[in-house]
Amino acid sequence: MKKAKDILFIIFRSVLGGMMLYGGVQKFQKPIPTPIEVVTKAENFKTPEKQETLQKILYINGAKQTGYFWQVLGVCELLFGFLLILQGTGFLGALFLLPITLHIFLFHVFLEADEIGELVQTGGLFFINIALVLKEHKRWKHLVWIQAFD
């Protein structure tokens, strides 16, 4: 049973780490659009029935327009995904990825709630991330456990 559990967590680390590596690489694949290109694209979605698409366009392109956030996110996904895949640094990678996977999941909850497949995928990645951190609870429980309860 322990061996099956160990294999499951290796699969979890590989899946989450692989997805983060893929996402990180994707952040650098396309050139960042100019502000004029973003406004032009957004103009096509000004009608009320296209408001959700407009929100996604403005949110993602706003992150890109900062000149640093999109790239920092990509570097973090690459670095933390790599840490997760490595044997000795898996816990550190999982811990650092937790806010990123939460953010990705909440993005899909609030801006793409109608995309059930993506909700399931991102929710699954967030669940895997939580499971990987909880698996190592002995490493960090002393940080959150109040001594009065011992």
N, C-alpha and C. Protein backbone atom coordinates (compact mmCIF):
# COMPACT_ATOMS: atom_id res chain seq x y z
N MET A 1 0.81 -1.19 0.00
CA MET A 1 0.00 0.00 0.00
C MET A 1 0.86 1.27 0.00
N LYS A 2 1.94 1.25 0.80
CA LYS A 2 2.82 2.41 0.87
C LYS A 2 3.48 2.66 -0.48
N LYS A 3 3.84 1.58 -1.17
CA LYS A 3 4.49 1.74 -2.47
C LYS A 3 3.53 2.37 -3.48
N ALA A 4 2.27 1.96 -3.45
CA ALA A 4 1.27 2.53 -4.35
C ALA A 4 1.07 4.02 -4.04
N LYS A 5 1.07 4.38 -2.77
CA LYS A 5 0.92 5.77 -2.37
C LYS A 5 2.13 6.59 -2.85
N ASP A 6 3.32 6.03 -2.69
CA ASP A 6 4.53 6.72 -3.15
C ASP A 6 4.49 6.93 -4.67
N ILE A 7 4.04 5.94 -5.39
CA ILE A 7 3.94 6.06 -6.85
C ILE A 7 2.91 7.12 -7.23
N LEU A 8 1.79 7.14 -6.52
CA LEU A 8 0.75 8.14 -6.78
C LEU A 8 1.31 9.56 -6.60
N PHE A 9 2.08 9.78 -5.54
CA PHE A 9 2.63 11.11 -5.31
C PHE A 9 3.74 11.46 -6.30
N ILE A 10 4.44 10.47 -6.80
CA ILE A 10 5.42 10.73 -7.88
C ILE A 10 4.67 11.17 -9.13
N ILE A 11 3.56 10.51 -9.42
CA ILE A 11 2.72 10.90 -10.56
C ILE A 11 2.18 12.31 -10.35
N PHE A 12 1.69 12.60 -9.15
CA PHE A 12 1.19 13.95 -8.84
C PHE A 12 2.27 14.99 -9.08
N ARG A 13 3.48 14.75 -8.57
CA ARG A 13 4.57 15.72 -8.75
C ARG A 13 4.92 15.87 -10.22
N SER A 14 4.92 14.78 -10.96
CA SER A 14 5.25 14.84 -12.38
C SER A 14 4.19 15.61 -13.17
N VAL A 15 2.93 15.35 -12.88
CA VAL A 15 1.84 16.03 -13.59
C VAL A 15 1.86 17.53 -13.29
N LEU A 16 1.88 17.89 -12.01
CA LEU A 16 1.87 19.30 -11.65
C LEU A 16 3.13 20.00 -12.13
N GLY A 17 4.27 19.38 -11.92
CA GLY A 17 5.53 19.97 -12.37
C GLY A 17 5.56 20.13 -13.89
N GLY A 18 5.10 19.12 -14.60
CA GLY A 18 5.06 19.19 -16.06
C GLY A 18 4.13 20.28 -16.56
N MET A 19 2.97 20.42 -15.93
CA MET A 19 2.04 21.47 -16.34
C MET A 19 2.61 22.86 -16.07
N MET A 20 3.31 23.00 -14.95
CA MET A 20 3.91 24.30 -14.63
C MET A 20 5.06 24.61 -15.60
N LEU A 21 5.85 23.61 -15.93
CA LEU A 21 6.92 23.83 -16.92
C LEU A 21 6.33 24.23 -18.26
N TYR A 22 5.28 23.55 -18.68
CA TYR A 22 4.61 23.88 -19.94
C TYR A 22 4.05 25.30 -19.90
N GLY A 23 3.36 25.65 -18.80
CA GLY A 23 2.79 26.98 -18.66
C GLY A 23 3.86 28.06 -18.63
N GLY A 24 4.97 27.77 -17.97
CA GLY A 24 6.06 28.73 -17.91
C GLY A 24 6.68 28.98 -19.27
N VAL A 25 6.88 27.93 -20.03
CA VAL A 25 7.44 28.07 -21.38
C VAL A 25 6.47 28.85 -22.27
N GLN A 26 5.18 28.60 -22.13
CA GLN A 26 4.18 29.29 -22.95
C GLN A 26 4.17 30.80 -22.72
N LYS A 27 4.57 31.23 -21.53
CA LYS A 27 4.60 32.67 -21.24
C LYS A 27 5.62 33.41 -22.12
N PHE A 28 6.58 32.67 -22.67
CA PHE A 28 7.64 33.30 -23.47
C PHE A 28 7.54 32.98 -24.95
N GLN A 29 6.51 32.25 -25.37
CA GLN A 29 6.38 31.82 -26.76
C GLN A 29 5.95 32.93 -27.70
N LYS A 30 5.03 33.77 -27.27
CA LYS A 30 4.49 34.82 -28.14
C LYS A 30 4.99 36.18 -27.67
N PRO A 31 5.20 37.10 -28.60
CA PRO A 31 5.60 38.44 -28.17
C PRO A 31 4.45 39.13 -27.44
N ILE A 32 4.79 39.99 -26.52
CA ILE A 32 3.78 40.73 -25.76
C ILE A 32 3.17 41.80 -26.66
N PRO A 33 1.83 41.84 -26.75
CA PRO A 33 1.19 42.84 -27.63
C PRO A 33 1.40 44.25 -27.09
N THR A 34 1.40 45.18 -28.00
CA THR A 34 1.51 46.59 -27.62
C THR A 34 0.19 47.04 -27.01
N PRO A 35 0.20 48.13 -26.25
CA PRO A 35 -1.06 48.64 -25.70
C PRO A 35 -2.10 48.95 -26.78
N ILE A 36 -1.65 49.44 -27.94
CA ILE A 36 -2.57 49.75 -29.05
C ILE A 36 -3.23 48.46 -29.54
N GLU A 37 -2.46 47.38 -29.65
CA GLU A 37 -3.02 46.09 -30.08
C GLU A 37 -4.04 45.58 -29.08
N VAL A 38 -3.78 45.75 -27.80
CA VAL A 38 -4.72 45.31 -26.76
C VAL A 38 -6.02 46.08 -26.85
N VAL A 39 -5.93 47.40 -27.00
CA VAL A 39 -7.13 48.23 -27.10
C VAL A 39 -7.92 47.87 -28.35
N THR A 40 -7.23 47.66 -29.45
CA THR A 40 -7.90 47.28 -30.70
C THR A 40 -8.63 45.95 -30.54
N LYS A 41 -7.97 44.98 -29.91
CA LYS A 41 -8.60 43.68 -29.68
C LYS A 41 -9.80 43.82 -28.74
N ALA A 42 -9.64 44.63 -27.70
CA ALA A 42 -10.72 44.81 -26.72
C ALA A 42 -11.93 45.50 -27.33
N GLU A 43 -11.71 46.36 -28.29
CA GLU A 43 -12.82 47.07 -28.96
C GLU A 43 -13.81 46.09 -29.58
N ASN A 44 -13.34 44.92 -30.00
CA ASN A 44 -14.21 43.93 -30.64
C ASN A 44 -15.15 43.24 -29.65
N PHE A 45 -14.94 43.44 -28.34
CA PHE A 45 -15.73 42.73 -27.33
C PHE A 45 -16.45 43.69 -26.38
N LYS A 46 -16.86 44.85 -26.88
CA LYS A 46 -17.50 45.86 -26.04
C LYS A 46 -18.98 45.60 -25.78
N THR A 47 -19.60 44.73 -26.50
CA THR A 47 -21.03 44.47 -26.31
C THR A 47 -21.26 43.70 -25.00
N PRO A 48 -22.43 43.89 -24.38
CA PRO A 48 -22.69 43.24 -23.08
C PRO A 48 -22.58 41.72 -23.11
N GLU A 49 -22.97 41.08 -24.21
CA GLU A 49 -22.91 39.62 -24.25
C GLU A 49 -21.48 39.09 -24.37
N LYS A 50 -20.53 39.96 -24.67
CA LYS A 50 -19.13 39.55 -24.77
C LYS A 50 -18.29 40.09 -23.61
N GLN A 51 -18.95 40.52 -22.54
CA GLN A 51 -18.27 41.14 -21.41
C GLN A 51 -17.28 40.19 -20.74
N GLU A 52 -17.63 38.91 -20.60
CA GLU A 52 -16.72 37.96 -19.96
C GLU A 52 -15.43 37.80 -20.76
N THR A 53 -15.55 37.74 -22.07
CA THR A 53 -14.36 37.64 -22.91
C THR A 53 -13.52 38.90 -22.77
N LEU A 54 -14.16 40.04 -22.73
CA LEU A 54 -13.45 41.31 -22.55
C LEU A 54 -12.68 41.33 -21.23
N GLN A 55 -13.31 40.84 -20.16
CA GLN A 55 -12.63 40.79 -18.86
C GLN A 55 -11.37 39.94 -18.93
N LYS A 56 -11.45 38.78 -19.59
CA LYS A 56 -10.27 37.91 -19.71
C LYS A 56 -9.17 38.59 -20.52
N ILE A 57 -9.55 39.21 -21.61
CA ILE A 57 -8.57 39.90 -22.47
C ILE A 57 -7.86 41.00 -21.68
N LEU A 58 -8.64 41.81 -20.97
CA LEU A 58 -8.06 42.92 -20.23
C LEU A 58 -7.20 42.43 -19.06
N TYR A 59 -7.63 41.36 -18.40
CA TYR A 59 -6.87 40.85 -17.25
C TYR A 59 -5.52 40.29 -17.70
N ILE A 60 -5.55 39.38 -18.65
CA ILE A 60 -4.31 38.75 -19.11
C ILE A 60 -3.39 39.78 -19.74
N ASN A 61 -3.93 40.61 -20.61
CA ASN A 61 -3.08 41.60 -21.26
C ASN A 61 -2.62 42.68 -20.30
N GLY A 62 -3.38 42.94 -19.25
CA GLY A 62 -2.93 43.87 -18.22
C GLY A 62 -1.70 43.33 -17.52
N ALA A 63 -1.71 42.03 -17.24
CA ALA A 63 -0.53 41.40 -16.62
C ALA A 63 0.67 41.48 -17.56
N LYS A 64 0.40 41.31 -18.84
CA LYS A 64 1.49 41.39 -19.83
C LYS A 64 2.01 42.81 -19.98
N GLN A 65 1.13 43.79 -19.88
CA GLN A 65 1.52 45.19 -20.11
C GLN A 65 2.36 45.78 -18.99
N THR A 66 2.40 45.14 -17.83
CA THR A 66 3.22 45.68 -16.74
C THR A 66 4.69 45.70 -17.12
N GLY A 67 5.07 44.83 -18.04
CA GLY A 67 6.47 44.76 -18.45
C GLY A 67 7.30 43.80 -17.61
N TYR A 68 6.71 43.25 -16.56
CA TYR A 68 7.47 42.32 -15.73
C TYR A 68 6.63 41.17 -15.18
N PHE A 69 5.35 41.40 -14.85
CA PHE A 69 4.58 40.40 -14.12
C PHE A 69 4.44 39.09 -14.90
N TRP A 70 4.12 39.18 -16.17
CA TRP A 70 3.91 37.97 -16.98
C TRP A 70 5.19 37.15 -17.04
N GLN A 71 6.33 37.84 -17.18
CA GLN A 71 7.61 37.16 -17.24
C GLN A 71 7.99 36.56 -15.88
N VAL A 72 7.73 37.29 -14.80
CA VAL A 72 8.03 36.78 -13.46
C VAL A 72 7.18 35.54 -13.18
N LEU A 73 5.91 35.59 -13.58
CA LEU A 73 5.05 34.43 -13.41
C LEU A 73 5.59 33.24 -14.19
N GLY A 74 6.04 33.48 -15.42
CA GLY A 74 6.61 32.40 -16.23
C GLY A 74 7.87 31.82 -15.61
N VAL A 75 8.75 32.67 -15.11
CA VAL A 75 9.97 32.20 -14.47
C VAL A 75 9.64 31.40 -13.21
N CYS A 76 8.68 31.88 -12.42
CA CYS A 76 8.27 31.15 -11.21
C CYS A 76 7.68 29.79 -11.56
N GLU A 77 6.84 29.74 -12.57
CA GLU A 77 6.28 28.45 -12.98
C GLU A 77 7.38 27.50 -13.42
N LEU A 78 8.35 28.00 -14.17
CA LEU A 78 9.46 27.15 -14.61
C LEU A 78 10.30 26.68 -13.43
N LEU A 79 10.70 27.60 -12.58
CA LEU A 79 11.57 27.27 -11.45
C LEU A 79 10.88 26.34 -10.46
N PHE A 80 9.65 26.68 -10.06
CA PHE A 80 8.96 25.87 -9.07
C PHE A 80 8.53 24.52 -9.64
N GLY A 81 8.17 24.50 -10.93
CA GLY A 81 7.86 23.22 -11.58
C GLY A 81 9.07 22.32 -11.62
N PHE A 82 10.23 22.91 -11.89
CA PHE A 82 11.47 22.14 -11.91
C PHE A 82 11.80 21.63 -10.50
N LEU A 83 11.64 22.48 -9.48
CA LEU A 83 11.88 22.05 -8.10
C LEU A 83 10.95 20.91 -7.72
N LEU A 84 9.73 20.96 -8.20
CA LEU A 84 8.75 19.93 -7.88
C LEU A 84 9.13 18.58 -8.49
N ILE A 85 9.67 18.61 -9.66
CA ILE A 85 10.03 17.36 -10.34
C ILE A 85 11.27 16.72 -9.71
N LEU A 86 12.19 17.54 -9.22
CA LEU A 86 13.39 16.99 -8.59
C LEU A 86 13.04 16.29 -7.28
N GLN A 87 13.72 15.22 -6.98
CA GLN A 87 13.42 14.39 -5.82
C GLN A 87 13.57 15.15 -4.50
N GLY A 88 14.67 15.81 -4.27
CA GLY A 88 14.93 16.42 -2.97
C GLY A 88 14.25 17.75 -2.73
N THR A 89 13.76 18.40 -3.76
CA THR A 89 13.17 19.73 -3.60
C THR A 89 11.68 19.76 -3.92
N GLY A 90 11.07 18.62 -3.99
CA GLY A 90 9.65 18.53 -4.35
C GLY A 90 8.74 19.29 -3.40
N PHE A 91 8.99 19.17 -2.09
CA PHE A 91 8.15 19.87 -1.12
C PHE A 91 8.27 21.38 -1.28
N LEU A 92 9.48 21.87 -1.46
CA LEU A 92 9.70 23.30 -1.64
C LEU A 92 8.97 23.80 -2.89
N GLY A 93 9.07 23.05 -3.99
CA GLY A 93 8.36 23.42 -5.21
C GLY A 93 6.85 23.44 -5.01
N ALA A 94 6.33 22.43 -4.32
CA ALA A 94 4.88 22.36 -4.07
C ALA A 94 4.43 23.53 -3.20
N LEU A 95 5.22 23.86 -2.19
CA LEU A 95 4.87 24.96 -1.30
C LEU A 95 4.86 26.29 -2.05
N PHE A 96 5.87 26.54 -2.87
CA PHE A 96 5.94 27.79 -3.62
C PHE A 96 4.88 27.87 -4.71
N LEU A 97 4.46 26.72 -5.23
CA LEU A 97 3.43 26.71 -6.29
C LEU A 97 2.02 26.90 -5.76
N LEU A 98 1.82 26.73 -4.48
CA LEU A 98 0.46 26.80 -3.93
C LEU A 98 -0.26 28.10 -4.27
N PRO A 99 0.31 29.28 -4.07
CA PRO A 99 -0.44 30.49 -4.44
C PRO A 99 -0.65 30.62 -5.95
N ILE A 100 0.25 30.07 -6.73
CA ILE A 100 0.10 30.15 -8.19
C ILE A 100 -1.04 29.26 -8.65
N THR A 101 -1.10 28.02 -8.16
CA THR A 101 -2.19 27.13 -8.57
C THR A 101 -3.54 27.63 -8.04
N LEU A 102 -3.54 28.23 -6.84
CA LEU A 102 -4.77 28.83 -6.33
C LEU A 102 -5.23 29.96 -7.25
N HIS A 103 -4.31 30.80 -7.65
CA HIS A 103 -4.64 31.92 -8.54
C HIS A 103 -5.18 31.42 -9.89
N ILE A 104 -4.54 30.43 -10.45
CA ILE A 104 -4.99 29.88 -11.73
C ILE A 104 -6.41 29.32 -11.60
N PHE A 105 -6.64 28.57 -10.52
CA PHE A 105 -7.96 28.00 -10.30
C PHE A 105 -9.02 29.10 -10.12
N LEU A 106 -8.72 30.11 -9.30
CA LEU A 106 -9.69 31.19 -9.08
C LEU A 106 -9.93 32.01 -10.33
N PHE A 107 -8.90 32.18 -11.16
CA PHE A 107 -9.09 32.85 -12.45
C PHE A 107 -10.17 32.12 -13.25
N HIS A 108 -10.09 30.80 -13.29
CA HIS A 108 -11.07 30.03 -14.05
C HIS A 108 -12.43 30.01 -13.38
N VAL A 109 -12.48 30.04 -12.06
CA VAL A 109 -13.76 30.08 -11.35
C VAL A 109 -14.49 31.39 -11.66
N PHE A 110 -13.78 32.50 -11.61
CA PHE A 110 -14.43 33.80 -11.75
C PHE A 110 -14.53 34.31 -13.18
N LEU A 111 -13.60 33.93 -14.04
CA LEU A 111 -13.61 34.48 -15.40
C LEU A 111 -13.94 33.44 -16.48
N GLU A 112 -13.94 32.18 -16.15
CA GLU A 112 -14.30 31.15 -17.13
C GLU A 112 -15.15 30.05 -16.49
N ALA A 113 -16.11 30.45 -15.70
CA ALA A 113 -16.93 29.48 -14.97
C ALA A 113 -17.71 28.56 -15.90
N ASP A 114 -17.96 28.98 -17.13
CA ASP A 114 -18.70 28.15 -18.07
C ASP A 114 -17.83 27.09 -18.73
N GLU A 115 -16.52 27.18 -18.58
CA GLU A 115 -15.59 26.20 -19.15
C GLU A 115 -15.36 25.08 -18.14
N ILE A 116 -16.25 24.10 -18.12
CA ILE A 116 -16.21 23.04 -17.11
C ILE A 116 -14.92 22.23 -17.20
N GLY A 117 -14.46 21.93 -18.39
CA GLY A 117 -13.22 21.16 -18.54
C GLY A 117 -12.03 21.86 -17.91
N GLU A 118 -11.93 23.16 -18.13
CA GLU A 118 -10.81 23.91 -17.55
C GLU A 118 -10.95 24.05 -16.04
N LEU A 119 -12.19 24.17 -15.56
CA LEU A 119 -12.41 24.20 -14.11
C LEU A 119 -11.96 22.90 -13.47
N VAL A 120 -12.30 21.79 -14.09
CA VAL A 120 -11.91 20.48 -13.56
C VAL A 120 -10.39 20.34 -13.60
N GLN A 121 -9.78 20.75 -14.72
CA GLN A 121 -8.32 20.63 -14.86
C GLN A 121 -7.60 21.49 -13.82
N THR A 122 -7.97 22.76 -13.72
CA THR A 122 -7.27 23.65 -12.79
C THR A 122 -7.60 23.30 -11.34
N GLY A 123 -8.84 22.86 -11.09
CA GLY A 123 -9.19 22.40 -9.75
C GLY A 123 -8.40 21.15 -9.38
N GLY A 124 -8.21 20.27 -10.35
CA GLY A 124 -7.39 19.07 -10.12
C GLY A 124 -5.95 19.42 -9.82
N LEU A 125 -5.39 20.39 -10.55
CA LEU A 125 -4.01 20.81 -10.28
C LEU A 125 -3.90 21.43 -8.89
N PHE A 126 -4.88 22.23 -8.51
CA PHE A 126 -4.87 22.84 -7.18
C PHE A 126 -5.00 21.75 -6.11
N PHE A 127 -5.87 20.78 -6.33
CA PHE A 127 -6.02 19.66 -5.39
C PHE A 127 -4.72 18.88 -5.26
N ILE A 128 -4.07 18.59 -6.39
CA ILE A 128 -2.79 17.89 -6.36
C ILE A 128 -1.77 18.68 -5.56
N ASN A 129 -1.73 19.99 -5.78
CA ASN A 129 -0.79 20.85 -5.06
C ASN A 129 -1.05 20.79 -3.55
N ILE A 130 -2.31 20.87 -3.16
CA ILE A 130 -2.66 20.78 -1.73
C ILE A 130 -2.25 19.42 -1.18
N ALA A 131 -2.52 18.35 -1.91
CA ALA A 131 -2.17 17.00 -1.45
C ALA A 131 -0.66 16.87 -1.27
N LEU A 132 0.12 17.45 -2.18
CA LEU A 132 1.58 17.37 -2.07
C LEU A 132 2.09 18.13 -0.84
N VAL A 133 1.48 19.26 -0.53
CA VAL A 133 1.89 20.01 0.66
C VAL A 133 1.43 19.28 1.93
N LEU A 134 0.21 18.77 1.93
CA LEU A 134 -0.30 18.07 3.12
C LEU A 134 0.44 16.77 3.39
N LYS A 135 0.94 16.15 2.34
CA LYS A 135 1.71 14.91 2.50
C LYS A 135 2.91 15.13 3.40
N GLU A 136 3.46 16.30 3.36
CA GLU A 136 4.65 16.64 4.14
C GLU A 136 4.30 17.43 5.40
N HIS A 137 3.12 17.20 5.95
CA HIS A 137 2.67 18.00 7.09
C HIS A 137 3.62 17.90 8.29
N LYS A 138 4.34 16.83 8.42
CA LYS A 138 5.27 16.70 9.56
C LYS A 138 6.40 17.73 9.48
N ARG A 139 6.70 18.19 8.28
CA ARG A 139 7.76 19.18 8.10
C ARG A 139 7.34 20.58 8.56
N TRP A 140 6.05 20.88 8.50
CA TRP A 140 5.62 22.25 8.77
C TRP A 140 4.56 22.40 9.85
N LYS A 141 4.03 21.31 10.36
CA LYS A 141 2.93 21.44 11.33
C LYS A 141 3.35 22.18 12.58
N HIS A 142 4.61 22.09 12.97
CA HIS A 142 5.07 22.80 14.16
C HIS A 142 5.01 24.32 13.98
N LEU A 143 4.94 24.78 12.74
CA LEU A 143 4.86 26.22 12.48
C LEU A 143 3.46 26.77 12.73
N VAL A 144 2.45 25.92 12.61
CA VAL A 144 1.08 26.39 12.76
C VAL A 144 0.38 25.81 14.00
N TRP A 145 0.96 24.82 14.62
CA TRP A 145 0.33 24.20 15.78
C TRP A 145 0.59 25.06 17.01
N ILE A 146 -0.45 25.43 17.71
CA ILE A 146 -0.33 26.24 18.90
C ILE A 146 0.14 25.33 20.05
N GLN A 147 1.17 25.74 20.72
CA GLN A 147 1.79 24.92 21.78
C GLN A 147 0.82 24.64 22.93
N ALA A 148 -0.17 25.48 23.14
CA ALA A 148 -1.10 25.28 24.25
C ALA A 148 -1.91 24.00 24.09
N PHE A 149 -2.02 23.48 22.88
CA PHE A 149 -2.82 22.29 22.63
C PHE A 149 -2.00 21.01 22.79
N ASP A 150 -0.73 21.12 23.03
CA ASP A 150 0.12 19.92 23.18
C ASP A 150 0.00 19.31 24.54
